[in-house]
Structures are given as C-alpha cells and as structure tokens.
Amino acid sequence: MRSRISMFAGVALAVAAMTPASAEPLALASCAKFTAARDDKAALFAGYIYGFLAARLGTQDEKRLTAAALKVRSSALDFCRKNENAVFVKVVGALAADVAKKSWIPKL
C-alpha cells in the first residue's frame, strides 16, 4: 500500500513539475502589466504591495499599514503609467523604502 502511495505521489510531482506555469510571477511583471491589470490580477498586485509593506514595516498598526499600502499603490500607478518598461517589484521596493524612512515604527 505504501509503495502505491509513494508511486502516486511521485507521478503527481512529476506531472506538476512538467506543467507550464499559467501566470508570470510578479517579480518579472512590467509596469505595463500592473497598470493594465483588472479584477483578480489587480487584486494580486494590491496584495503583493500590502504584503511587501507588512513584511517591511510590521503589522502593529493595521490602519497605518493599510494607508501606506494605498499610498504606495497610488504612487506606483502614477509612476508606472509614465514608465511602462519599469519592473513592478523594483518600483514597489523603492516606494516601500521611502515609506520605511518616514515610518511610524520607533527606532530600536
């Protein structure tokens, strides 16, 4: 019985590894894809921004974190509309670094 389960798991992993990914990772997305995103795709980009800021700034004050995420998203949209060849993740990283400099997190 264990050998059948192991064989099934091995086949399932092999099939999964050979299946091409249907979506480009956000790390490779251009600003053009970010500005053109609608519905589910736009939510993925917004979630990435929120998660990136939460990891960078912490989650102690959720209201300020949400406000920062909305500000970064708006700034990223403005920047990306003018620079469609820029890499989305680099833009968000630069904007998040700017927010971190002006952060409400006390210096340790």
PDB file of N, CA and C in Angstrom:
ATOM      1  N   MET A   1       0.814  -1.193   0.000  1.00  0.00           N
ATOM      2  CA  MET A   1       0.000   0.000   0.000  1.00  0.00           C
ATOM      3  C   MET A   1       0.859   1.260   0.000  1.00  0.00           C
ATOM      4  N   ARG A   2       1.937   1.254   0.829  1.00  0.00           N
ATOM      5  CA  ARG A   2       2.811   2.422   0.877  1.00  0.00           C
ATOM      6  C   ARG A   2       3.509   2.650  -0.447  1.00  0.00           C
ATOM      7  N   SER A   3       3.868   1.592  -1.115  1.00  0.00           N
ATOM      8  CA  SER A   3       4.563   1.741  -2.392  1.00  0.00           C
ATOM      9  C   SER A   3       3.644   2.378  -3.433  1.00  0.00           C
ATOM     10  N   ARG A   4       2.354   2.055  -3.387  1.00  0.00           N
ATOM     11  CA  ARG A   4       1.398   2.660  -4.321  1.00  0.00           C
ATOM     12  C   ARG A   4       1.241   4.156  -4.031  1.00  0.00           C
ATOM     13  N   ILE A   5       1.180   4.495  -2.750  1.00  0.00           N
ATOM     14  CA  ILE A   5       1.052   5.906  -2.380  1.00  0.00           C
ATOM     15  C   ILE A   5       2.301   6.664  -2.801  1.00  0.00           C
ATOM     16  N   SER A   6       3.452   6.089  -2.568  1.00  0.00           N
ATOM     17  CA  SER A   6       4.712   6.726  -2.950  1.00  0.00           C
ATOM     18  C   SER A   6       4.789   6.899  -4.467  1.00  0.00           C
ATOM     19  N   MET A   7       4.355   5.860  -5.195  1.00  0.00           N
ATOM     20  CA  MET A   7       4.378   5.933  -6.645  1.00  0.00           C
ATOM     21  C   MET A   7       3.414   7.018  -7.133  1.00  0.00           C
ATOM     22  N   PHE A   8       2.229   7.070  -6.556  1.00  0.00           N
ATOM     23  CA  PHE A   8       1.245   8.081  -6.935  1.00  0.00           C
ATOM     24  C   PHE A   8       1.789   9.486  -6.668  1.00  0.00           C
ATOM     25  N   ALA A   9       2.402   9.676  -5.486  1.00  0.00           N
ATOM     26  CA  ALA A   9       2.960  10.981  -5.134  1.00  0.00           C
ATOM     27  C   ALA A   9       4.075  11.360  -6.108  1.00  0.00           C
ATOM     28  N   GLY A  10       4.915  10.416  -6.478  1.00  0.00           N
ATOM     29  CA  GLY A  10       5.991  10.683  -7.432  1.00  0.00           C
ATOM     30  C   GLY A  10       5.470  11.070  -8.800  1.00  0.00           C
ATOM     31  N   VAL A  11       4.457  10.364  -9.275  1.00  0.00           N
ATOM     32  CA  VAL A  11       3.855  10.688 -10.575  1.00  0.00           C
ATOM     33  C   VAL A  11       3.198  12.062 -10.530  1.00  0.00           C
ATOM     34  N   ALA A  12       2.481  12.343  -9.436  1.00  0.00           N
ATOM     35  CA  ALA A  12       1.815  13.646  -9.305  1.00  0.00           C
ATOM     36  C   ALA A  12       2.830  14.775  -9.295  1.00  0.00           C
ATOM     37  N   LEU A  13       3.958  14.596  -8.599  1.00  0.00           N
ATOM     38  CA  LEU A  13       5.002  15.622  -8.580  1.00  0.00           C
ATOM     39  C   LEU A  13       5.637  15.799  -9.950  1.00  0.00           C
ATOM     40  N   ALA A  14       5.853  14.713 -10.658  1.00  0.00           N
ATOM     41  CA  ALA A  14       6.441  14.797 -11.998  1.00  0.00           C
ATOM     42  C   ALA A  14       5.521  15.539 -12.948  1.00  0.00           C
ATOM     43  N   VAL A  15       4.232  15.252 -12.885  1.00  0.00           N
ATOM     44  CA  VAL A  15       3.268  15.936 -13.747  1.00  0.00           C
ATOM     45  C   VAL A  15       3.216  17.415 -13.398  1.00  0.00           C
ATOM     46  N   ALA A  16       3.211  17.727 -12.107  1.00  0.00           N
ATOM     47  CA  ALA A  16       3.160  19.124 -11.682  1.00  0.00           C
ATOM     48  C   ALA A  16       4.407  19.876 -12.128  1.00  0.00           C
ATOM     49  N   ALA A  17       5.554  19.233 -12.072  1.00  0.00           N
ATOM     50  CA  ALA A  17       6.803  19.877 -12.472  1.00  0.00           C
ATOM     51  C   ALA A  17       6.850  20.129 -13.977  1.00  0.00           C
ATOM     52  N   MET A  18       6.196  19.285 -14.753  1.00  0.00           N
ATOM     53  CA  MET A  18       6.228  19.423 -16.206  1.00  0.00           C
ATOM     54  C   MET A  18       5.145  20.352 -16.725  1.00  0.00           C
ATOM     55  N   THR A  19       4.178  20.716 -15.897  1.00  0.00           N
ATOM     56  CA  THR A  19       3.102  21.594 -16.325  1.00  0.00           C
ATOM     57  C   THR A  19       3.609  23.028 -16.346  1.00  0.00           C
ATOM     58  N   PRO A  20       3.466  23.720 -17.479  1.00  0.00           N
ATOM     59  CA  PRO A  20       3.950  25.103 -17.535  1.00  0.00           C
ATOM     60  C   PRO A  20       3.097  26.004 -16.649  1.00  0.00           C
ATOM     61  N   ALA A  21       3.748  26.973 -16.042  1.00  0.00           N
ATOM     62  CA  ALA A  21       3.029  27.926 -15.190  1.00  0.00           C
ATOM     63  C   ALA A  21       2.147  28.802 -16.077  1.00  0.00           C
ATOM     64  N   SER A  22       0.925  29.043 -15.620  1.00  0.00           N
ATOM     65  CA  SER A  22      -0.016  29.811 -16.426  1.00  0.00           C
ATOM     66  C   SER A  22       0.141  31.305 -16.235  1.00  0.00           C
ATOM     67  N   ALA A  23       0.825  31.721 -15.190  1.00  0.00           N
ATOM     68  CA  ALA A  23       0.949  33.143 -14.923  1.00  0.00           C
ATOM     69  C   ALA A  23       2.410  33.510 -14.718  1.00  0.00           C
ATOM     70  N   GLU A  24       2.739  34.698 -15.174  1.00  0.00           N
ATOM     71  CA  GLU A  24       4.079  35.219 -14.966  1.00  0.00           C
ATOM     72  C   GLU A  24       4.204  35.670 -13.514  1.00  0.00           C
ATOM     73  N   PRO A  25       5.314  35.353 -12.866  1.00  0.00           N
ATOM     74  CA  PRO A  25       5.472  35.793 -11.487  1.00  0.00           C
ATOM     75  C   PRO A  25       5.535  37.315 -11.404  1.00  0.00           C
ATOM     76  N   LEU A  26       5.048  37.857 -10.294  1.00  0.00           N
ATOM     77  CA  LEU A  26       5.055  39.309 -10.128  1.00  0.00           C
ATOM     78  C   LEU A  26       6.466  39.879 -10.189  1.00  0.00           C
ATOM     79  N   ALA A  27       7.449  39.092  -9.793  1.00  0.00           N
ATOM     80  CA  ALA A  27       8.831  39.568  -9.812  1.00  0.00           C
ATOM     81  C   ALA A  27       9.294  39.923 -11.220  1.00  0.00           C
ATOM     82  N   LEU A  28       8.652  39.354 -12.223  1.00  0.00           N
ATOM     83  CA  LEU A  28       9.033  39.632 -13.610  1.00  0.00           C
ATOM     84  C   LEU A  28       8.068  40.579 -14.319  1.00  0.00           C
ATOM     85  N   ALA A  29       7.001  40.967 -13.660  1.00  0.00           N
ATOM     86  CA  ALA A  29       5.969  41.786 -14.308  1.00  0.00           C
ATOM     87  C   ALA A  29       6.469  43.203 -14.545  1.00  0.00           C
ATOM     88  N   SER A  30       6.069  43.727 -15.679  1.00  0.00           N
ATOM     89  CA  SER A  30       6.420  45.109 -16.003  1.00  0.00           C
ATOM     90  C   SER A  30       5.350  46.041 -15.451  1.00  0.00           C
ATOM     91  N   CYS A  31       5.670  47.314 -15.448  1.00  0.00           N
ATOM     92  CA  CYS A  31       4.693  48.313 -15.020  1.00  0.00           C
ATOM     93  C   CYS A  31       3.481  48.313 -15.950  1.00  0.00           C
ATOM     94  N   ALA A  32       3.705  47.985 -17.216  1.00  0.00           N
ATOM     95  CA  ALA A  32       2.590  47.944 -18.167  1.00  0.00           C
ATOM     96  C   ALA A  32       1.554  46.911 -17.731  1.00  0.00           C
ATOM     97  N   LYS A  33       2.004  45.772 -17.250  1.00  0.00           N
ATOM     98  CA  LYS A  33       1.067  44.736 -16.783  1.00  0.00           C
ATOM     99  C   LYS A  33       0.347  45.187 -15.518  1.00  0.00           C
ATOM    100  N   PHE A  34       1.050  45.912 -14.656  1.00  0.00           N
ATOM    101  CA  PHE A  34       0.442  46.421 -13.430  1.00  0.00           C
ATOM    102  C   PHE A  34      -0.653  47.433 -13.743  1.00  0.00           C
ATOM    103  N   THR A  35      -0.378  48.364 -14.649  1.00  0.00           N
ATOM    104  CA  THR A  35      -1.383  49.387 -14.964  1.00  0.00           C
ATOM    105  C   THR A  35      -2.556  48.810 -15.750  1.00  0.00           C
ATOM    106  N   ALA A  36      -2.322  47.723 -16.497  1.00  0.00           N
ATOM    107  CA  ALA A  36      -3.396  47.111 -17.291  1.00  0.00           C
ATOM    108  C   ALA A  36      -4.207  46.083 -16.501  1.00  0.00           C
ATOM    109  N   ALA A  37      -3.756  45.730 -15.323  1.00  0.00           N
ATOM    110  CA  ALA A  37      -4.410  44.670 -14.537  1.00  0.00           C
ATOM    111  C   ALA A  37      -5.813  45.094 -14.115  1.00  0.00           C
ATOM    112  N   ARG A  38      -6.730  44.154 -14.187  1.00  0.00           N
ATOM    113  CA  ARG A  38      -8.119  44.378 -13.778  1.00  0.00           C
ATOM    114  C   ARG A  38      -8.571  43.205 -12.914  1.00  0.00           C
ATOM    115  N   ASP A  39      -9.539  43.440 -12.086  1.00  0.00           N
ATOM    116  CA  ASP A  39     -10.197  42.419 -11.261  1.00  0.00           C
ATOM    117  C   ASP A  39      -9.205  41.567 -10.461  1.00  0.00           C
ATOM    118  N   ASP A  40      -9.141  40.268 -10.762  1.00  0.00           N
ATOM    119  CA  ASP A  40      -8.306  39.346  -9.980  1.00  0.00           C
ATOM    120  C   ASP A  40      -6.829  39.705 -10.060  1.00  0.00           C
ATOM    121  N   LYS A  41      -6.372  40.083 -11.235  1.00  0.00           N
ATOM    122  CA  LYS A  41      -4.955  40.437 -11.404  1.00  0.00           C
ATOM    123  C   LYS A  41      -4.631  41.692 -10.601  1.00  0.00           C
ATOM    124  N   ALA A  42      -5.525  42.677 -10.619  1.00  0.00           N
ATOM    125  CA  ALA A  42      -5.299  43.904  -9.851  1.00  0.00           C
ATOM    126  C   ALA A  42      -5.243  43.578  -8.359  1.00  0.00           C
ATOM    127  N   ALA A  43      -6.079  42.648  -7.927  1.00  0.00           N
ATOM    128  CA  ALA A  43      -6.078  42.244  -6.519  1.00  0.00           C
ATOM    129  C   ALA A  43      -4.756  41.566  -6.154  1.00  0.00           C
ATOM    130  N   LEU A  44      -4.185  40.788  -7.063  1.00  0.00           N
ATOM    131  CA  LEU A  44      -2.891  40.153  -6.804  1.00  0.00           C
ATOM    132  C   LEU A  44      -1.801  41.204  -6.618  1.00  0.00           C
ATOM    133  N   PHE A  45      -1.792  42.207  -7.487  1.00  0.00           N
ATOM    134  CA  PHE A  45      -0.799  43.274  -7.368  1.00  0.00           C
ATOM    135  C   PHE A  45      -0.989  44.039  -6.056  1.00  0.00           C
ATOM    136  N   ALA A  46      -2.230  44.370  -5.719  1.00  0.00           N
ATOM    137  CA  ALA A  46      -2.507  45.092  -4.477  1.00  0.00           C
ATOM    138  C   ALA A  46      -2.112  44.255  -3.267  1.00  0.00           C
ATOM    139  N   GLY A  47      -2.377  42.969  -3.318  1.00  0.00           N
ATOM    140  CA  GLY A  47      -1.986  42.069  -2.236  1.00  0.00           C
ATOM    141  C   GLY A  47      -0.478  41.979  -2.097  1.00  0.00           C
ATOM    142  N   TYR A  48       0.220  41.995  -3.218  1.00  0.00           N
ATOM    143  CA  TYR A  48       1.680  41.974  -3.170  1.00  0.00           C
ATOM    144  C   TYR A  48       2.197  43.227  -2.462  1.00  0.00           C
ATOM    145  N   ILE A  49       1.646  44.371  -2.826  1.00  0.00           N
ATOM    146  CA  ILE A  49       2.079  45.635  -2.216  1.00  0.00           C
ATOM    147  C   ILE A  49       1.827  45.607  -0.708  1.00  0.00           C
ATOM    148  N   TYR A  50       0.637  45.184  -0.312  1.00  0.00           N
ATOM    149  CA  TYR A  50       0.292  45.137   1.112  1.00  0.00           C
ATOM    150  C   TYR A  50       1.220  44.173   1.846  1.00  0.00           C
ATOM    151  N   GLY A  51       1.425  43.005   1.281  1.00  0.00           N
ATOM    152  CA  GLY A  51       2.299  42.018   1.917  1.00  0.00           C
ATOM    153  C   GLY A  51       3.736  42.477   2.010  1.00  0.00           C
ATOM    154  N   PHE A  52       4.203  43.144   0.965  1.00  0.00           N
ATOM    155  CA  PHE A  52       5.566  43.657   0.954  1.00  0.00           C
ATOM    156  C   PHE A  52       5.745  44.681   2.067  1.00  0.00           C
ATOM    157  N   LEU A  53       4.781  45.588   2.192  1.00  0.00           N
ATOM    158  CA  LEU A  53       4.860  46.601   3.245  1.00  0.00           C
ATOM    159  C   LEU A  53       4.712  45.988   4.636  1.00  0.00           C
ATOM    160  N   ALA A  54       3.846  45.007   4.778  1.00  0.00           N
ATOM    161  CA  ALA A  54       3.672  44.348   6.081  1.00  0.00           C
ATOM    162  C   ALA A  54       4.972  43.679   6.509  1.00  0.00           C
ATOM    163  N   ALA A  55       5.664  43.056   5.569  1.00  0.00           N
ATOM    164  CA  ALA A  55       6.937  42.417   5.887  1.00  0.00           C
ATOM    165  C   ALA A  55       8.004  43.452   6.211  1.00  0.00           C
ATOM    166  N   ARG A  56       7.956  44.560   5.524  1.00  0.00           N
ATOM    167  CA  ARG A  56       8.983  45.593   5.713  1.00  0.00           C
ATOM    168  C   ARG A  56       8.746  46.427   6.970  1.00  0.00           C
ATOM    169  N   LEU A  57       7.482  46.764   7.229  1.00  0.00           N
ATOM    170  CA  LEU A  57       7.171  47.694   8.311  1.00  0.00           C
ATOM    171  C   LEU A  57       6.607  47.046   9.562  1.00  0.00           C
ATOM    172  N   GLY A  58       6.091  45.855   9.439  1.00  0.00           N
ATOM    173  CA  GLY A  58       5.439  45.203  10.570  1.00  0.00           C
ATOM    174  C   GLY A  58       3.937  45.434  10.516  1.00  0.00           C
ATOM    175  N   THR A  59       3.234  44.792  11.421  1.00  0.00           N
ATOM    176  CA  THR A  59       1.770  44.844  11.369  1.00  0.00           C
ATOM    177  C   THR A  59       1.147  45.375  12.654  1.00  0.00           C
ATOM    178  N   GLN A  60       1.909  46.129  13.448  1.00  0.00           N
ATOM    179  CA  GLN A  60       1.376  46.602  14.721  1.00  0.00           C
ATOM    180  C   GLN A  60       0.186  47.538  14.539  1.00  0.00           C
ATOM    181  N   ASP A  61       0.257  48.422  13.575  1.00  0.00           N
ATOM    182  CA  ASP A  61      -0.811  49.394  13.359  1.00  0.00           C
ATOM    183  C   ASP A  61      -1.421  49.155  11.976  1.00  0.00           C
ATOM    184  N   GLU A  62      -2.488  48.374  11.946  1.00  0.00           N
ATOM    185  CA  GLU A  62      -3.075  47.951  10.676  1.00  0.00           C
ATOM    186  C   GLU A  62      -3.649  49.121   9.870  1.00  0.00           C
ATOM    187  N   LYS A  63      -4.212  50.115  10.556  1.00  0.00           N
ATOM    188  CA  LYS A  63      -4.768  51.272   9.836  1.00  0.00           C
ATOM    189  C   LYS A  63      -3.685  52.030   9.087  1.00  0.00           C
ATOM    190  N   ARG A  64      -2.563  52.248   9.752  1.00  0.00           N
ATOM    191  CA  ARG A  64      -1.463  52.963   9.087  1.00  0.00           C
ATOM    192  C   ARG A  64      -0.836  52.106   7.989  1.00  0.00           C
ATOM    193  N   LEU A  65      -0.768  50.806   8.219  1.00  0.00           N
ATOM    194  CA  LEU A  65      -0.234  49.908   7.200  1.00  0.00           C
ATOM    195  C   LEU A  65      -1.116  49.936   5.954  1.00  0.00           C
ATOM    196  N   THR A  66      -2.426  49.903   6.148  1.00  0.00           N
ATOM    197  CA  THR A  66      -3.358  49.962   5.024  1.00  0.00           C
ATOM    198  C   THR A  66      -3.241  51.297   4.301  1.00  0.00           C
ATOM    199  N   ALA A  67      -3.140  52.384   5.058  1.00  0.00           N
ATOM    200  CA  ALA A  67      -2.986  53.710   4.445  1.00  0.00           C
ATOM    201  C   ALA A  67      -1.688  53.784   3.645  1.00  0.00           C
ATOM    202  N   ALA A  68      -0.612  53.223   4.194  1.00  0.00           N
ATOM    203  CA  ALA A  68       0.673  53.204   3.489  1.00  0.00           C
ATOM    204  C   ALA A  68       0.571  52.381   2.212  1.00  0.00           C
ATOM    205  N   ALA A  69      -0.112  51.236   2.280  1.00  0.00           N
ATOM    206  CA  ALA A  69      -0.271  50.381   1.092  1.00  0.00           C
ATOM    207  C   ALA A  69      -1.063  51.104   0.007  1.00  0.00           C
ATOM    208  N   LEU A  70      -2.107  51.810   0.391  1.00  0.00           N
ATOM    209  CA  LEU A  70      -2.896  52.565  -0.601  1.00  0.00           C
ATOM    210  C   LEU A  70      -2.072  53.685  -1.220  1.00  0.00           C
ATOM    211  N   LYS A  71      -1.257  54.333  -0.398  1.00  0.00           N
ATOM    212  CA  LYS A  71      -0.408  55.416  -0.904  1.00  0.00           C
ATOM    213  C   LYS A  71       0.649  54.869  -1.867  1.00  0.00           C
ATOM    214  N   VAL A  72       1.265  53.752  -1.496  1.00  0.00           N
ATOM    215  CA  VAL A  72       2.279  53.136  -2.368  1.00  0.00           C
ATOM    216  C   VAL A  72       1.641  52.664  -3.666  1.00  0.00           C
ATOM    217  N   ARG A  73       0.456  52.079  -3.589  1.00  0.00           N
ATOM    218  CA  ARG A  73      -0.226  51.620  -4.800  1.00  0.00           C
ATOM    219  C   ARG A  73      -0.527  52.800  -5.729  1.00  0.00           C
ATOM    220  N   SER A  74      -1.019  53.884  -5.163  1.00  0.00           N
ATOM    221  CA  SER A  74      -1.333  55.068  -5.965  1.00  0.00           C
ATOM    222  C   SER A  74      -0.069  55.657  -6.587  1.00  0.00           C
ATOM    223  N   SER A  75       0.998  55.752  -5.810  1.00  0.00           N
ATOM    224  CA  SER A  75       2.268  56.274  -6.327  1.00  0.00           C
ATOM    225  C   SER A  75       2.840  55.357  -7.403  1.00  0.00           C
ATOM    226  N   ALA A  76       2.720  54.051  -7.185  1.00  0.00           N
ATOM    227  CA  ALA A  76       3.213  53.088  -8.175  1.00  0.00           C
ATOM    228  C   ALA A  76       2.427  53.211  -9.477  1.00  0.00           C
ATOM    229  N   LEU A  77       1.114  53.373  -9.374  1.00  0.00           N
ATOM    230  CA  LEU A  77       0.303  53.552 -10.583  1.00  0.00           C
ATOM    231  C   LEU A  77       0.725  54.800 -11.340  1.00  0.00           C
ATOM    232  N   ASP A  78       0.915  55.907 -10.627  1.00  0.00           N
ATOM    233  CA  ASP A  78       1.344  57.150 -11.272  1.00  0.00           C
ATOM    234  C   ASP A  78       2.689  56.973 -11.968  1.00  0.00           C
ATOM    235  N   PHE A  79       3.653  56.370 -11.260  1.00  0.00           N
ATOM    236  CA  PHE A  79       4.977  56.160 -11.822  1.00  0.00           C
ATOM    237  C   PHE A  79       4.920  55.212 -13.016  1.00  0.00           C
ATOM    238  N   CYS A  80       4.180  54.122 -12.861  1.00  0.00           N
ATOM    239  CA  CYS A  80       4.140  53.092 -13.902  1.00  0.00           C
ATOM    240  C   CYS A  80       3.426  53.559 -15.159  1.00  0.00           C
ATOM    241  N   ARG A  81       2.480  54.453 -15.036  1.00  0.00           N
ATOM    242  CA  ARG A  81       1.818  54.992 -16.240  1.00  0.00           C
ATOM    243  C   ARG A  81       2.802  55.770 -17.101  1.00  0.00           C
ATOM    244  N   LYS A  82       3.784  56.386 -16.464  1.00  0.00           N
ATOM    245  CA  LYS A  82       4.790  57.174 -17.192  1.00  0.00           C
ATOM    246  C   LYS A  82       5.990  56.335 -17.611  1.00  0.00           C
ATOM    247  N   ASN A  83       6.215  55.218 -16.935  1.00  0.00           N
ATOM    248  CA  ASN A  83       7.389  54.370 -17.181  1.00  0.00           C
ATOM    249  C   ASN A  83       6.962  52.916 -17.315  1.00  0.00           C
ATOM    250  N   GLU A  84       6.303  52.574 -18.397  1.00  0.00           N
ATOM    251  CA  GLU A  84       5.720  51.242 -18.551  1.00  0.00           C
ATOM    252  C   GLU A  84       6.744  50.116 -18.674  1.00  0.00           C
ATOM    253  N   ASN A  85       7.982  50.437 -18.985  1.00  0.00           N
ATOM    254  CA  ASN A  85       9.003  49.391 -19.102  1.00  0.00           C
ATOM    255  C   ASN A  85       9.683  49.083 -17.772  1.00  0.00           C
ATOM    256  N   ALA A  86       9.390  49.854 -16.744  1.00  0.00           N
ATOM    257  CA  ALA A  86       9.996  49.612 -15.435  1.00  0.00           C
ATOM    258  C   ALA A  86       9.490  48.290 -14.867  1.00  0.00           C
ATOM    259  N   VAL A  87      10.257  47.718 -13.961  1.00  0.00           N
ATOM    260  CA  VAL A  87       9.890  46.448 -13.318  1.00  0.00           C
ATOM    261  C   VAL A  87       9.049  46.773 -12.081  1.00  0.00           C
ATOM    262  N   PHE A  88       7.863  46.182 -12.008  1.00  0.00           N
ATOM    263  CA  PHE A  88       6.908  46.457 -10.945  1.00  0.00           C
ATOM    264  C   PHE A  88       7.512  46.289  -9.555  1.00  0.00           C
ATOM    265  N   VAL A  89       8.208  45.182  -9.320  1.00  0.00           N
ATOM    266  CA  VAL A  89       8.746  44.884  -7.997  1.00  0.00           C
ATOM    267  C   VAL A  89       9.791  45.916  -7.583  1.00  0.00           C
ATOM    268  N   LYS A  90      10.597  46.374  -8.520  1.00  0.00           N
ATOM    269  CA  LYS A  90      11.609  47.387  -8.193  1.00  0.00           C
ATOM    270  C   LYS A  90      10.954  48.714  -7.828  1.00  0.00           C
ATOM    271  N   VAL A  91       9.886  49.062  -8.528  1.00  0.00           N
ATOM    272  CA  VAL A  91       9.160  50.293  -8.220  1.00  0.00           C
ATOM    273  C   VAL A  91       8.574  50.215  -6.820  1.00  0.00           C
ATOM    274  N   VAL A  92       7.925  49.111  -6.501  1.00  0.00           N
ATOM    275  CA  VAL A  92       7.327  48.934  -5.178  1.00  0.00           C
ATOM    276  C   VAL A  92       8.418  48.920  -4.106  1.00  0.00           C
ATOM    277  N   GLY A  93       9.531  48.284  -4.383  1.00  0.00           N
ATOM    278  CA  GLY A  93      10.631  48.256  -3.425  1.00  0.00           C
ATOM    279  C   GLY A  93      11.160  49.647  -3.111  1.00  0.00           C
ATOM    280  N   ALA A  94      11.314  50.469  -4.141  1.00  0.00           N
ATOM    281  CA  ALA A  94      11.800  51.837  -3.936  1.00  0.00           C
ATOM    282  C   ALA A  94      10.790  52.667  -3.151  1.00  0.00           C
ATOM    283  N   LEU A  95       9.522  52.533  -3.497  1.00  0.00           N
ATOM    284  CA  LEU A  95       8.484  53.280  -2.781  1.00  0.00           C
ATOM    285  C   LEU A  95       8.358  52.806  -1.336  1.00  0.00           C
ATOM    286  N   ALA A  96       8.484  51.506  -1.105  1.00  0.00           N
ATOM    287  CA  ALA A  96       8.412  50.967   0.255  1.00  0.00           C
ATOM    288  C   ALA A  96       9.598  51.439   1.082  1.00  0.00           C
ATOM    289  N   ALA A  97      10.766  51.545   0.467  1.00  0.00           N
ATOM    290  CA  ALA A  97      11.941  52.043   1.179  1.00  0.00           C
ATOM    291  C   ALA A  97      11.716  53.489   1.604  1.00  0.00           C
ATOM    292  N   ASP A  98      11.092  54.267   0.738  1.00  0.00           N
ATOM    293  CA  ASP A  98      10.783  55.656   1.074  1.00  0.00           C
ATOM    294  C   ASP A  98       9.798  55.721   2.237  1.00  0.00           C
ATOM    295  N   VAL A  99       8.784  54.861   2.220  1.00  0.00           N
ATOM    296  CA  VAL A  99       7.807  54.818   3.316  1.00  0.00           C
ATOM    297  C   VAL A  99       8.497  54.394   4.607  1.00  0.00           C
ATOM    298  N   ALA A 100       9.423  53.445   4.518  1.00  0.00           N
ATOM    299  CA  ALA A 100      10.122  52.957   5.713  1.00  0.00           C
ATOM    300  C   ALA A 100      10.959  54.062   6.355  1.00  0.00           C
ATOM    301  N   LYS A 101      11.534  54.940   5.529  1.00  0.00           N
ATOM    302  CA  LYS A 101      12.318  56.060   6.062  1.00  0.00           C
ATOM    303  C   LYS A 101      11.437  56.998   6.875  1.00  0.00           C
ATOM    304  N   LYS A 102      10.187  57.151   6.412  1.00  0.00           N
ATOM    305  CA  LYS A 102       9.257  58.052   7.080  1.00  0.00           C
ATOM    306  C   LYS A 102       8.328  57.268   8.017  1.00  0.00           C
ATOM    307  N   SER A 103       8.765  56.105   8.401  1.00  0.00           N
ATOM    308  CA  SER A 103       7.911  55.175   9.128  1.00  0.00           C
ATOM    309  C   SER A 103       7.559  55.657  10.520  1.00  0.00           C
ATOM    310  N   TRP A 104       6.439  55.124  10.990  1.00  0.00           N
ATOM    311  CA  TRP A 104       5.987  55.388  12.357  1.00  0.00           C
ATOM    312  C   TRP A 104       6.590  54.410  13.349  1.00  0.00           C
ATOM    313  N   ILE A 105       7.381  53.455  12.844  1.00  0.00           N
ATOM    314  CA  ILE A 105       7.987  52.456  13.722  1.00  0.00           C
ATOM    315  C   ILE A 105       9.140  53.110  14.478  1.00  0.00           C
ATOM    316  N   PRO A 106       9.114  53.012  15.788  1.00  0.00           N
ATOM    317  CA  PRO A 106      10.197  53.652  16.571  1.00  0.00           C
ATOM    318  C   PRO A 106      11.548  53.007  16.287  1.00  0.00           C
ATOM    319  N   LYS A 107      12.572  53.818  16.345  1.00  0.00           N
ATOM    320  CA  LYS A 107      13.934  53.312  16.141  1.00  0.00           C
ATOM    321  C   LYS A 107      14.333  52.479  17.356  1.00  0.00           C
ATOM    322  N   LEU A 108      14.963  51.351  17.107  1.00  0.00           N
ATOM    323  CA  LEU A 108      15.386  50.468  18.207  1.00  0.00           C
ATOM    324  C   LEU A 108      16.815  50.772  18.605  1.00  0.00           C
TER     325      LEU A 108
END
